[in-house]
Amino acid sequence: WIATANAVAVAGAEPIFADLDEDGNLDAESVAALVSSRTKAIIPVHLYGKMCRMNRLLEVAAGHGLKVIEDASQAFGSSYKGVKAGGWGDLGCFSLNAMKNFGAFGDSGLVVTRDAEWHATLEALRYNGALDKVNCTAPSLNFKPDTLQAALMLIKFRFFEETIKRKRMIAARYDAALEGLVETPRADADDFHTYYAYTIRTTERDRLRAFLDGKRIETRIQHAPLMAMQPPYRSARRDRLTRAEKIVGEILSLPCHDKLTEVEVERVIEAVHAFFTGGGC
């Protein structure tokens, strides 16, 4: 989503675009090839609730003295090799808007870090750069959530694990039922995938989407166009985005939220089967 590149540009830096791996996450080898003397940080985006291969990305960062800032907005609660999203990098950033697995009642977000100095800086930056609410240590704006929002989120957090459990059950049902028809999301023993989105891949994406729309089943393409193809960034430095350009033409997110009933899940499965086996394709 364009917000990641925009955050870099608004800070006065230049976003550089690397290619993706087959999961749709940042490819470490593509990143390594793009590092220059001007590079300051790597920003992996954990797409759809599946985390990037963080061990290799941290190796690249350590080899060049770079910071790692995780965009973990779609991966609250996810983990890789037992480490939670946001816990690998120097900073972990989370959007908590209402669409997210742990969504606020409006727009909100949070940043996590283990570094005490950065923690103090962030505390000041969230409220006009004034850590003591009087003396400004650095120019900033008001980014803190209001107290009512925070209170509601604390209550909602009690139910977060049940939300993820339900979404993972739906994903497992899709995995079993759609195998052989489409490419389903891949997760191995190192992954705890929270399925912000259940995103399949198929070369028949556009026709399948139209077919499902005709049956009143909502789908989404997350995210097109690619960030690097958005007008402000078309001249930005990048790797050859071979895999990214292929993947973005095949991805389709099926309904996968915790309020889906078993009947609704089965209806989605039956519709996908009807497309591929009943002449819709």
C-alpha atoms as a PDB file:
ATOM      1  CA  TRP A   1       0.000   0.000   0.000  1.00  0.00           C
ATOM      2  CA  ILE A   2       1.252   3.455  -0.934  1.00  0.00           C
ATOM      3  CA  ALA A   3       1.483   4.632   2.708  1.00  0.00           C
ATOM      4  CA  THR A   4       4.845   2.901   3.159  1.00  0.00           C
ATOM      5  CA  ALA A   5       6.545   4.798   0.336  1.00  0.00           C
ATOM      6  CA  ASN A   6       4.785   8.011   1.312  1.00  0.00           C
ATOM      7  CA  ALA A   7       6.182   7.833   4.841  1.00  0.00           C
ATOM      8  CA  VAL A   8       9.700   7.732   3.403  1.00  0.00           C
ATOM      9  CA  ALA A   9       9.084  10.589   0.967  1.00  0.00           C
ATOM     10  CA  VAL A  10       7.360  12.825   3.537  1.00  0.00           C
ATOM     11  CA  ALA A  11      10.378  12.351   5.829  1.00  0.00           C
ATOM     12  CA  GLY A  12      12.548  13.848   3.074  1.00  0.00           C
ATOM     13  CA  ALA A  13      14.146  10.580   1.987  1.00  0.00           C
ATOM     14  CA  GLU A  14      13.916   8.677  -1.303  1.00  0.00           C
ATOM     15  CA  PRO A  15      12.178   5.291  -1.451  1.00  0.00           C
ATOM     16  CA  ILE A  16      14.031   2.618  -3.446  1.00  0.00           C
ATOM     17  CA  PHE A  17      11.927  -0.304  -4.675  1.00  0.00           C
ATOM     18  CA  ALA A  18      13.101  -3.922  -4.486  1.00  0.00           C
ATOM     19  CA  ASP A  19      11.442  -6.955  -6.050  1.00  0.00           C
ATOM     20  CA  LEU A  20       9.321  -9.546  -4.243  1.00  0.00           C
ATOM     21  CA  ASP A  21       9.776 -13.218  -3.482  1.00  0.00           C
ATOM     22  CA  GLU A  22       7.140 -15.761  -4.511  1.00  0.00           C
ATOM     23  CA  ASP A  23       5.157 -15.052  -1.323  1.00  0.00           C
ATOM     24  CA  GLY A  24       4.750 -11.413  -2.300  1.00  0.00           C
ATOM     25  CA  ASN A  25       7.101 -10.245   0.444  1.00  0.00           C
ATOM     26  CA  LEU A  26      10.377  -8.358   0.110  1.00  0.00           C
ATOM     27  CA  ASP A  27      13.139 -10.356  -1.591  1.00  0.00           C
ATOM     28  CA  ALA A  28      16.383 -10.069   0.392  1.00  0.00           C
ATOM     29  CA  GLU A  29      18.645 -10.652  -2.616  1.00  0.00           C
ATOM     30  CA  SER A  30      16.936  -7.862  -4.534  1.00  0.00           C
ATOM     31  CA  VAL A  31      17.419  -5.596  -1.517  1.00  0.00           C
ATOM     32  CA  ALA A  32      21.108  -6.479  -1.255  1.00  0.00           C
ATOM     33  CA  ALA A  33      21.686  -5.543  -4.888  1.00  0.00           C
ATOM     34  CA  LEU A  34      20.188  -2.080  -4.346  1.00  0.00           C
ATOM     35  CA  VAL A  35      22.104  -0.996  -1.229  1.00  0.00           C
ATOM     36  CA  SER A  36      24.357   2.029  -1.774  1.00  0.00           C
ATOM     37  CA  SER A  37      26.377   4.428   0.354  1.00  0.00           C
ATOM     38  CA  ARG A  38      23.225   6.558   0.681  1.00  0.00           C
ATOM     39  CA  THR A  39      21.013   3.767   2.006  1.00  0.00           C
ATOM     40  CA  LYS A  40      19.803   4.304   5.576  1.00  0.00           C
ATOM     41  CA  ALA A  41      17.266   1.594   6.286  1.00  0.00           C
ATOM     42  CA  ILE A  42      15.350  -1.411   4.988  1.00  0.00           C
ATOM     43  CA  ILE A  43      11.559  -1.403   5.350  1.00  0.00           C
ATOM     44  CA  PRO A  44      10.099  -4.902   4.962  1.00  0.00           C
ATOM     45  CA  VAL A  45       6.305  -5.026   4.651  1.00  0.00           C
ATOM     46  CA  HIS A  46       4.713  -8.187   6.082  1.00  0.00           C
ATOM     47  CA  LEU A  47       2.038  -8.739   3.465  1.00  0.00           C
ATOM     48  CA  TYR A  48      -1.391 -10.249   4.218  1.00  0.00           C
ATOM     49  CA  GLY A  49      -0.326 -11.453   7.687  1.00  0.00           C
ATOM     50  CA  LYS A  50       2.644 -13.558   6.555  1.00  0.00           C
ATOM     51  CA  MET A  51       6.010 -12.246   7.660  1.00  0.00           C
ATOM     52  CA  CYS A  52       9.050 -11.612   5.478  1.00  0.00           C
ATOM     53  CA  ARG A  53      12.074 -13.906   5.804  1.00  0.00           C
ATOM     54  CA  MET A  54      13.548 -11.608   8.432  1.00  0.00           C
ATOM     55  CA  ASN A  55      16.736 -13.535   9.224  1.00  0.00           C
ATOM     56  CA  ARG A  56      18.172 -12.946   5.741  1.00  0.00           C
ATOM     57  CA  LEU A  57      17.015  -9.301   5.658  1.00  0.00           C
ATOM     58  CA  LEU A  58      18.736  -8.681   8.996  1.00  0.00           C
ATOM     59  CA  GLU A  59      21.926 -10.209   7.591  1.00  0.00           C
ATOM     60  CA  VAL A  60      21.826  -7.745   4.701  1.00  0.00           C
ATOM     61  CA  ALA A  61      21.168  -4.860   7.104  1.00  0.00           C
ATOM     62  CA  ALA A  62      23.968  -5.869   9.487  1.00  0.00           C
ATOM     63  CA  GLY A  63      26.433  -6.176   6.614  1.00  0.00           C
ATOM     64  CA  HIS A  64      25.844  -2.557   5.643  1.00  0.00           C
ATOM     65  CA  GLY A  65      25.103  -0.967   9.015  1.00  0.00           C
ATOM     66  CA  LEU A  66      21.452  -0.308   8.159  1.00  0.00           C
ATOM     67  CA  LYS A  67      18.407   0.101  10.368  1.00  0.00           C
ATOM     68  CA  VAL A  68      15.418  -2.189   9.883  1.00  0.00           C
ATOM     69  CA  ILE A  69      11.929  -0.694  10.210  1.00  0.00           C
ATOM     70  CA  GLU A  70       9.170  -3.283   9.987  1.00  0.00           C
ATOM     71  CA  ASP A  71       5.894  -2.230   8.401  1.00  0.00           C
ATOM     72  CA  ALA A  72       3.875  -4.801  10.332  1.00  0.00           C
ATOM     73  CA  SER A  73       0.501  -3.169   9.685  1.00  0.00           C
ATOM     74  CA  GLN A  74      -1.039  -6.328   8.204  1.00  0.00           C
ATOM     75  CA  ALA A  75       0.686  -8.721  10.597  1.00  0.00           C
ATOM     76  CA  PHE A  76      -0.341  -7.877  14.160  1.00  0.00           C
ATOM     77  CA  GLY A  77       0.085 -11.166  16.050  1.00  0.00           C
ATOM     78  CA  SER A  78       1.991 -12.937  13.262  1.00  0.00           C
ATOM     79  CA  SER A  79       5.387 -14.500  13.905  1.00  0.00           C
ATOM     80  CA  TYR A  80       8.374 -15.951  12.075  1.00  0.00           C
ATOM     81  CA  LYS A  81      10.677 -18.453  13.775  1.00  0.00           C
ATOM     82  CA  GLY A  82       8.853 -17.716  17.028  1.00  0.00           C
ATOM     83  CA  VAL A  83       9.486 -13.938  16.967  1.00  0.00           C
ATOM     84  CA  LYS A  84       6.441 -11.690  16.652  1.00  0.00           C
ATOM     85  CA  ALA A  85       5.985  -9.133  13.891  1.00  0.00           C
ATOM     86  CA  GLY A  86       7.575  -5.874  14.979  1.00  0.00           C
ATOM     87  CA  GLY A  87      10.095  -7.705  17.167  1.00  0.00           C
ATOM     88  CA  TRP A  88      12.817  -8.281  14.570  1.00  0.00           C
ATOM     89  CA  GLY A  89      13.729  -4.763  13.503  1.00  0.00           C
ATOM     90  CA  ASP A  90      14.868  -1.617  15.238  1.00  0.00           C
ATOM     91  CA  LEU A  91      11.299  -0.349  14.994  1.00  0.00           C
ATOM     92  CA  GLY A  92       7.985  -2.047  14.295  1.00  0.00           C
ATOM     93  CA  CYS A  93       5.110   0.042  12.909  1.00  0.00           C
ATOM     94  CA  PHE A  94       1.452  -0.989  13.022  1.00  0.00           C
ATOM     95  CA  SER A  95      -1.597   0.580  11.450  1.00  0.00           C
ATOM     96  CA  LEU A  96      -4.672  -0.215  13.527  1.00  0.00           C
ATOM     97  CA  ASN A  97      -7.399   1.037  11.233  1.00  0.00           C
ATOM     98  CA  ALA A  98     -10.729  -0.749  11.327  1.00  0.00           C
ATOM     99  CA  MET A  99      -9.841  -3.200   8.514  1.00  0.00           C
ATOM    100  CA  LYS A 100      -6.932  -4.728  10.407  1.00  0.00           C
ATOM    101  CA  ASN A 101      -7.051  -7.938  12.448  1.00  0.00           C
ATOM    102  CA  PHE A 102      -6.625  -5.776  15.545  1.00  0.00           C
ATOM    103  CA  GLY A 103      -8.458  -2.719  14.340  1.00  0.00           C
ATOM    104  CA  ALA A 104      -9.304   0.478  16.144  1.00  0.00           C
ATOM    105  CA  PHE A 105     -12.651   2.265  16.145  1.00  0.00           C
ATOM    106  CA  GLY A 106     -11.430   4.673  13.493  1.00  0.00           C
ATOM    107  CA  ASP A 107      -7.804   5.372  12.580  1.00  0.00           C
ATOM    108  CA  SER A 108      -5.022   4.595  15.022  1.00  0.00           C
ATOM    109  CA  GLY A 109      -1.617   2.929  15.178  1.00  0.00           C
ATOM    110  CA  LEU A 110       1.426   2.155  17.263  1.00  0.00           C
ATOM    111  CA  VAL A 111       5.210   1.834  17.103  1.00  0.00           C
ATOM    112  CA  VAL A 112       7.307  -0.645  19.109  1.00  0.00           C
ATOM    113  CA  THR A 113      11.036  -0.690  19.895  1.00  0.00           C
ATOM    114  CA  ARG A 114      13.461  -2.256  22.359  1.00  0.00           C
ATOM    115  CA  ASP A 115      15.793   0.772  22.268  1.00  0.00           C
ATOM    116  CA  ALA A 116      15.357   3.051  25.307  1.00  0.00           C
ATOM    117  CA  GLU A 117      16.593   6.169  23.508  1.00  0.00           C
ATOM    118  CA  TRP A 118      14.281   5.624  20.558  1.00  0.00           C
ATOM    119  CA  HIS A 119      11.434   4.930  22.963  1.00  0.00           C
ATOM    120  CA  ALA A 120      11.918   8.321  24.612  1.00  0.00           C
ATOM    121  CA  THR A 121      12.114  10.010  21.202  1.00  0.00           C
ATOM    122  CA  LEU A 122       8.910   8.357  20.058  1.00  0.00           C
ATOM    123  CA  GLU A 123       7.117   9.369  23.220  1.00  0.00           C
ATOM    124  CA  ALA A 124       8.029  12.987  22.502  1.00  0.00           C
ATOM    125  CA  LEU A 125       7.246  12.849  18.779  1.00  0.00           C
ATOM    126  CA  ARG A 126       3.752  11.486  19.368  1.00  0.00           C
ATOM    127  CA  TYR A 127       2.737  14.758  21.010  1.00  0.00           C
ATOM    128  CA  ASN A 128       4.312  17.750  19.252  1.00  0.00           C
ATOM    129  CA  GLY A 129       7.848  16.750  20.251  1.00  0.00           C
ATOM    130  CA  ALA A 130       7.222  17.536  23.925  1.00  0.00           C
ATOM    131  CA  LEU A 131       8.040  14.599  26.191  1.00  0.00           C
ATOM    132  CA  ASP A 132       6.899  16.500  29.293  1.00  0.00           C
ATOM    133  CA  LYS A 133       4.021  18.176  27.391  1.00  0.00           C
ATOM    134  CA  VAL A 134       5.771  21.536  27.921  1.00  0.00           C
ATOM    135  CA  ASN A 135       9.253  21.673  26.387  1.00  0.00           C
ATOM    136  CA  CYS A 136       9.623  20.781  22.697  1.00  0.00           C
ATOM    137  CA  THR A 137      12.688  18.642  21.937  1.00  0.00           C
ATOM    138  CA  ALA A 138      12.015  18.250  18.187  1.00  0.00           C
ATOM    139  CA  PRO A 139       9.393  19.537  15.728  1.00  0.00           C
ATOM    140  CA  SER A 140       6.465  17.130  15.454  1.00  0.00           C
ATOM    141  CA  LEU A 141       2.674  16.974  15.280  1.00  0.00           C
ATOM    142  CA  ASN A 142      -0.015  15.359  17.409  1.00  0.00           C
ATOM    143  CA  PHE A 143      -0.070  11.623  16.631  1.00  0.00           C
ATOM    144  CA  LYS A 144      -1.398  10.160  19.871  1.00  0.00           C
ATOM    145  CA  PRO A 145      -4.732   8.304  19.982  1.00  0.00           C
ATOM    146  CA  ASP A 146      -7.341   9.823  22.236  1.00  0.00           C
ATOM    147  CA  THR A 147      -8.026   8.240  25.619  1.00  0.00           C
ATOM    148  CA  LEU A 148     -11.414   6.776  24.670  1.00  0.00           C
ATOM    149  CA  GLN A 149      -9.907   5.071  21.621  1.00  0.00           C
ATOM    150  CA  ALA A 150      -7.124   3.587  23.758  1.00  0.00           C
ATOM    151  CA  ALA A 151      -9.605   2.334  26.351  1.00  0.00           C
ATOM    152  CA  LEU A 152     -11.733   0.620  23.694  1.00  0.00           C
ATOM    153  CA  MET A 153      -8.643  -1.004  22.167  1.00  0.00           C
ATOM    154  CA  LEU A 154      -7.595  -2.418  25.533  1.00  0.00           C
ATOM    155  CA  ILE A 155     -10.968  -4.131  25.789  1.00  0.00           C
ATOM    156  CA  LYS A 156     -10.887  -5.357  22.192  1.00  0.00           C
ATOM    157  CA  PHE A 157      -7.430  -6.862  22.711  1.00  0.00           C
ATOM    158  CA  ARG A 158      -8.942  -9.447  25.078  1.00  0.00           C
ATOM    159  CA  PHE A 159     -10.691 -11.031  22.074  1.00  0.00           C
ATOM    160  CA  PHE A 160      -7.817 -10.827  19.603  1.00  0.00           C
ATOM    161  CA  GLU A 161      -6.673 -14.446  19.906  1.00  0.00           C
ATOM    162  CA  GLU A 162     -10.182 -15.731  19.193  1.00  0.00           C
ATOM    163  CA  THR A 163     -10.367 -13.512  16.107  1.00  0.00           C
ATOM    164  CA  ILE A 164      -7.134 -14.962  14.732  1.00  0.00           C
ATOM    165  CA  LYS A 165      -8.127 -18.513  15.607  1.00  0.00           C
ATOM    166  CA  ARG A 166     -11.303 -18.127  13.563  1.00  0.00           C
ATOM    167  CA  LYS A 167      -9.501 -16.589  10.596  1.00  0.00           C
ATOM    168  CA  ARG A 168      -6.919 -19.376  10.601  1.00  0.00           C
ATOM    169  CA  MET A 169      -9.701 -21.970  10.636  1.00  0.00           C
ATOM    170  CA  ILE A 170     -11.307 -20.341   7.597  1.00  0.00           C
ATOM    171  CA  ALA A 171      -7.927 -20.214   5.836  1.00  0.00           C
ATOM    172  CA  ALA A 172      -7.328 -23.906   6.538  1.00  0.00           C
ATOM    173  CA  ARG A 173     -10.743 -24.706   5.067  1.00  0.00           C
ATOM    174  CA  TYR A 174      -9.909 -22.732   1.918  1.00  0.00           C
ATOM    175  CA  ASP A 175      -6.475 -24.373   1.702  1.00  0.00           C
ATOM    176  CA  ALA A 176      -7.972 -27.859   1.680  1.00  0.00           C
ATOM    177  CA  ALA A 177     -10.878 -27.081  -0.637  1.00  0.00           C
ATOM    178  CA  LEU A 178      -9.103 -24.951  -3.253  1.00  0.00           C
ATOM    179  CA  GLU A 179      -5.891 -26.955  -3.678  1.00  0.00           C
ATOM    180  CA  GLY A 180      -5.293 -27.690  -7.325  1.00  0.00           C
ATOM    181  CA  LEU A 181      -7.598 -24.920  -8.527  1.00  0.00           C
ATOM    182  CA  VAL A 182      -5.624 -21.856  -7.461  1.00  0.00           C
ATOM    183  CA  GLU A 183      -2.342 -21.133  -5.725  1.00  0.00           C
ATOM    184  CA  THR A 184      -3.198 -20.755  -2.056  1.00  0.00           C
ATOM    185  CA  PRO A 185      -1.109 -18.786   0.488  1.00  0.00           C
ATOM    186  CA  ARG A 186       2.008 -20.650   1.553  1.00  0.00           C
ATOM    187  CA  ALA A 187       2.988 -21.029   5.198  1.00  0.00           C
ATOM    188  CA  ASP A 188       5.612 -23.393   6.573  1.00  0.00           C
ATOM    189  CA  ALA A 189       6.582 -24.520  10.071  1.00  0.00           C
ATOM    190  CA  ASP A 190       8.401 -21.220  10.757  1.00  0.00           C
ATOM    191  CA  ASP A 191       5.292 -19.121  10.054  1.00  0.00           C
ATOM    192  CA  PHE A 192       2.355 -18.119  12.191  1.00  0.00           C
ATOM    193  CA  HIS A 193       0.146 -16.509   9.552  1.00  0.00           C
ATOM    194  CA  THR A 194      -2.711 -14.307  10.818  1.00  0.00           C
ATOM    195  CA  TYR A 195      -4.452 -13.867   7.444  1.00  0.00           C
ATOM    196  CA  TYR A 196      -5.165 -10.174   7.345  1.00  0.00           C
ATOM    197  CA  ALA A 197      -6.125 -11.229   3.832  1.00  0.00           C
ATOM    198  CA  TYR A 198      -6.518 -14.682   2.313  1.00  0.00           C
ATOM    199  CA  THR A 199      -4.917 -14.038  -1.071  1.00  0.00           C
ATOM    200  CA  ILE A 200      -4.878 -16.599  -3.827  1.00  0.00           C
ATOM    201  CA  ARG A 201      -3.079 -16.441  -7.164  1.00  0.00           C
ATOM    202  CA  THR A 202      -4.422 -17.459 -10.547  1.00  0.00           C
ATOM    203  CA  THR A 203      -3.790 -16.445 -14.145  1.00  0.00           C
ATOM    204  CA  GLU A 204      -7.597 -16.330 -14.482  1.00  0.00           C
ATOM    205  CA  ARG A 205      -7.831 -13.649 -11.794  1.00  0.00           C
ATOM    206  CA  ASP A 206      -9.884 -11.041 -13.655  1.00  0.00           C
ATOM    207  CA  ARG A 207     -12.410 -13.538 -14.993  1.00  0.00           C
ATOM    208  CA  LEU A 208     -12.709 -15.261 -11.617  1.00  0.00           C
ATOM    209  CA  ARG A 209     -13.273 -11.925  -9.903  1.00  0.00           C
ATOM    210  CA  ALA A 210     -16.032 -11.004 -12.344  1.00  0.00           C
ATOM    211  CA  PHE A 211     -17.633 -14.420 -11.852  1.00  0.00           C
ATOM    212  CA  LEU A 212     -17.599 -14.082  -8.050  1.00  0.00           C
ATOM    213  CA  ASP A 213     -18.920 -10.540  -8.296  1.00  0.00           C
ATOM    214  CA  GLY A 214     -21.838 -11.894 -10.297  1.00  0.00           C
ATOM    215  CA  LYS A 215     -22.585 -14.187  -7.371  1.00  0.00           C
ATOM    216  CA  ARG A 216     -22.383 -11.228  -4.957  1.00  0.00           C
ATOM    217  CA  ILE A 217     -19.124 -12.428  -3.384  1.00  0.00           C
ATOM    218  CA  GLU A 218     -16.815  -9.506  -2.673  1.00  0.00           C
ATOM    219  CA  THR A 219     -13.124  -9.826  -3.529  1.00  0.00           C
ATOM    220  CA  ARG A 220     -10.229  -7.383  -3.473  1.00  0.00           C
ATOM    221  CA  ILE A 221      -6.920  -6.877  -5.231  1.00  0.00           C
ATOM    222  CA  GLN A 222      -4.387  -5.844  -2.603  1.00  0.00           C
ATOM    223  CA  HIS A 223      -2.544  -3.858  -3.801  1.00  0.00           C
ATOM    224  CA  ALA A 224      -2.613  -2.575  -7.351  1.00  0.00           C
ATOM    225  CA  PRO A 225      -0.976  -0.670  -8.845  1.00  0.00           C
ATOM    226  CA  LEU A 226       2.418  -1.447  -7.373  1.00  0.00           C
ATOM    227  CA  MET A 227       3.859   1.346  -5.219  1.00  0.00           C
ATOM    228  CA  ALA A 228       6.650   1.871  -7.741  1.00  0.00           C
ATOM    229  CA  MET A 229       4.081   2.421 -10.495  1.00  0.00           C
ATOM    230  CA  GLN A 230       2.224   5.185  -8.661  1.00  0.00           C
ATOM    231  CA  PRO A 231       2.758   8.588 -10.339  1.00  0.00           C
ATOM    232  CA  PRO A 232       5.046  10.116  -7.637  1.00  0.00           C
ATOM    233  CA  TYR A 233       7.465   7.166  -7.820  1.00  0.00           C
ATOM    234  CA  ARG A 234       7.675   6.197 -11.470  1.00  0.00           C
ATOM    235  CA  SER A 235      11.154   7.692 -11.777  1.00  0.00           C
ATOM    236  CA  ALA A 236      12.423   6.246  -8.484  1.00  0.00           C
ATOM    237  CA  ARG A 237      15.364   3.854  -8.430  1.00  0.00           C
ATOM    238  CA  ARG A 238      14.350   0.203  -8.394  1.00  0.00           C
ATOM    239  CA  ASP A 239      15.334  -3.332  -9.147  1.00  0.00           C
ATOM    240  CA  ARG A 240      13.746  -5.113 -12.089  1.00  0.00           C
ATOM    241  CA  LEU A 241      10.360  -5.862 -10.553  1.00  0.00           C
ATOM    242  CA  THR A 242       9.888  -9.085 -12.513  1.00  0.00           C
ATOM    243  CA  ARG A 243       8.123 -11.119  -9.836  1.00  0.00           C
ATOM    244  CA  ALA A 244       6.187  -8.146  -8.470  1.00  0.00           C
ATOM    245  CA  GLU A 245       4.733  -7.313 -11.881  1.00  0.00           C
ATOM    246  CA  LYS A 246       3.721 -10.947 -12.415  1.00  0.00           C
ATOM    247  CA  ILE A 247       2.221 -11.400  -8.943  1.00  0.00           C
ATOM    248  CA  VAL A 248       0.156  -8.213  -9.013  1.00  0.00           C
ATOM    249  CA  GLY A 249      -1.652  -9.498 -12.093  1.00  0.00           C
ATOM    250  CA  GLU A 250      -2.636 -12.764 -10.376  1.00  0.00           C
ATOM    251  CA  ILE A 251      -3.568 -11.904  -6.770  1.00  0.00           C
ATOM    252  CA  LEU A 252      -7.123 -11.982  -5.450  1.00  0.00           C
ATOM    253  CA  SER A 253      -8.228 -11.767  -1.813  1.00  0.00           C
ATOM    254  CA  LEU A 254     -11.217 -13.915  -0.876  1.00  0.00           C
ATOM    255  CA  PRO A 255     -13.508 -13.142   2.084  1.00  0.00           C
ATOM    256  CA  CYS A 256     -11.740 -14.198   5.289  1.00  0.00           C
ATOM    257  CA  HIS A 257     -12.995 -12.346   8.342  1.00  0.00           C
ATOM    258  CA  ASP A 258     -13.925 -13.756  11.713  1.00  0.00           C
ATOM    259  CA  LYS A 259     -17.657 -13.027  11.277  1.00  0.00           C
ATOM    260  CA  LEU A 260     -18.007 -15.325   8.241  1.00  0.00           C
ATOM    261  CA  THR A 261     -20.362 -18.231   8.908  1.00  0.00           C
ATOM    262  CA  GLU A 262     -19.691 -21.807   7.811  1.00  0.00           C
ATOM    263  CA  VAL A 263     -22.455 -21.439   5.225  1.00  0.00           C
ATOM    264  CA  GLU A 264     -20.782 -18.336   3.779  1.00  0.00           C
ATOM    265  CA  VAL A 265     -17.361 -20.006   3.669  1.00  0.00           C
ATOM    266  CA  GLU A 266     -18.861 -22.966   1.826  1.00  0.00           C
ATOM    267  CA  ARG A 267     -20.594 -20.601  -0.594  1.00  0.00           C
ATOM    268  CA  VAL A 268     -17.243 -19.010  -1.511  1.00  0.00           C
ATOM    269  CA  ILE A 269     -15.669 -22.434  -2.019  1.00  0.00           C
ATOM    270  CA  GLU A 270     -18.557 -23.665  -4.161  1.00  0.00           C
ATOM    271  CA  ALA A 271     -18.384 -20.549  -6.330  1.00  0.00           C
ATOM    272  CA  VAL A 272     -14.641 -20.941  -6.980  1.00  0.00           C
ATOM    273  CA  HIS A 273     -15.185 -24.592  -7.849  1.00  0.00           C
ATOM    274  CA  ALA A 274     -18.064 -23.669 -10.149  1.00  0.00           C
ATOM    275  CA  PHE A 275     -15.828 -21.256 -12.035  1.00  0.00           C
ATOM    276  CA  PHE A 276     -13.029 -23.746 -12.646  1.00  0.00           C
ATOM    277  CA  THR A 277     -15.056 -26.935 -13.118  1.00  0.00           C
ATOM    278  CA  GLY A 278     -18.462 -25.743 -14.260  1.00  0.00           C
ATOM    279  CA  GLY A 279     -17.589 -23.817 -17.379  1.00  0.00           C
ATOM    280  CA  GLY A 280     -17.009 -20.395 -15.853  1.00  0.00           C
ATOM    281  CA  CYS A 281     -13.325 -20.521 -16.794  1.00  0.00           C
END
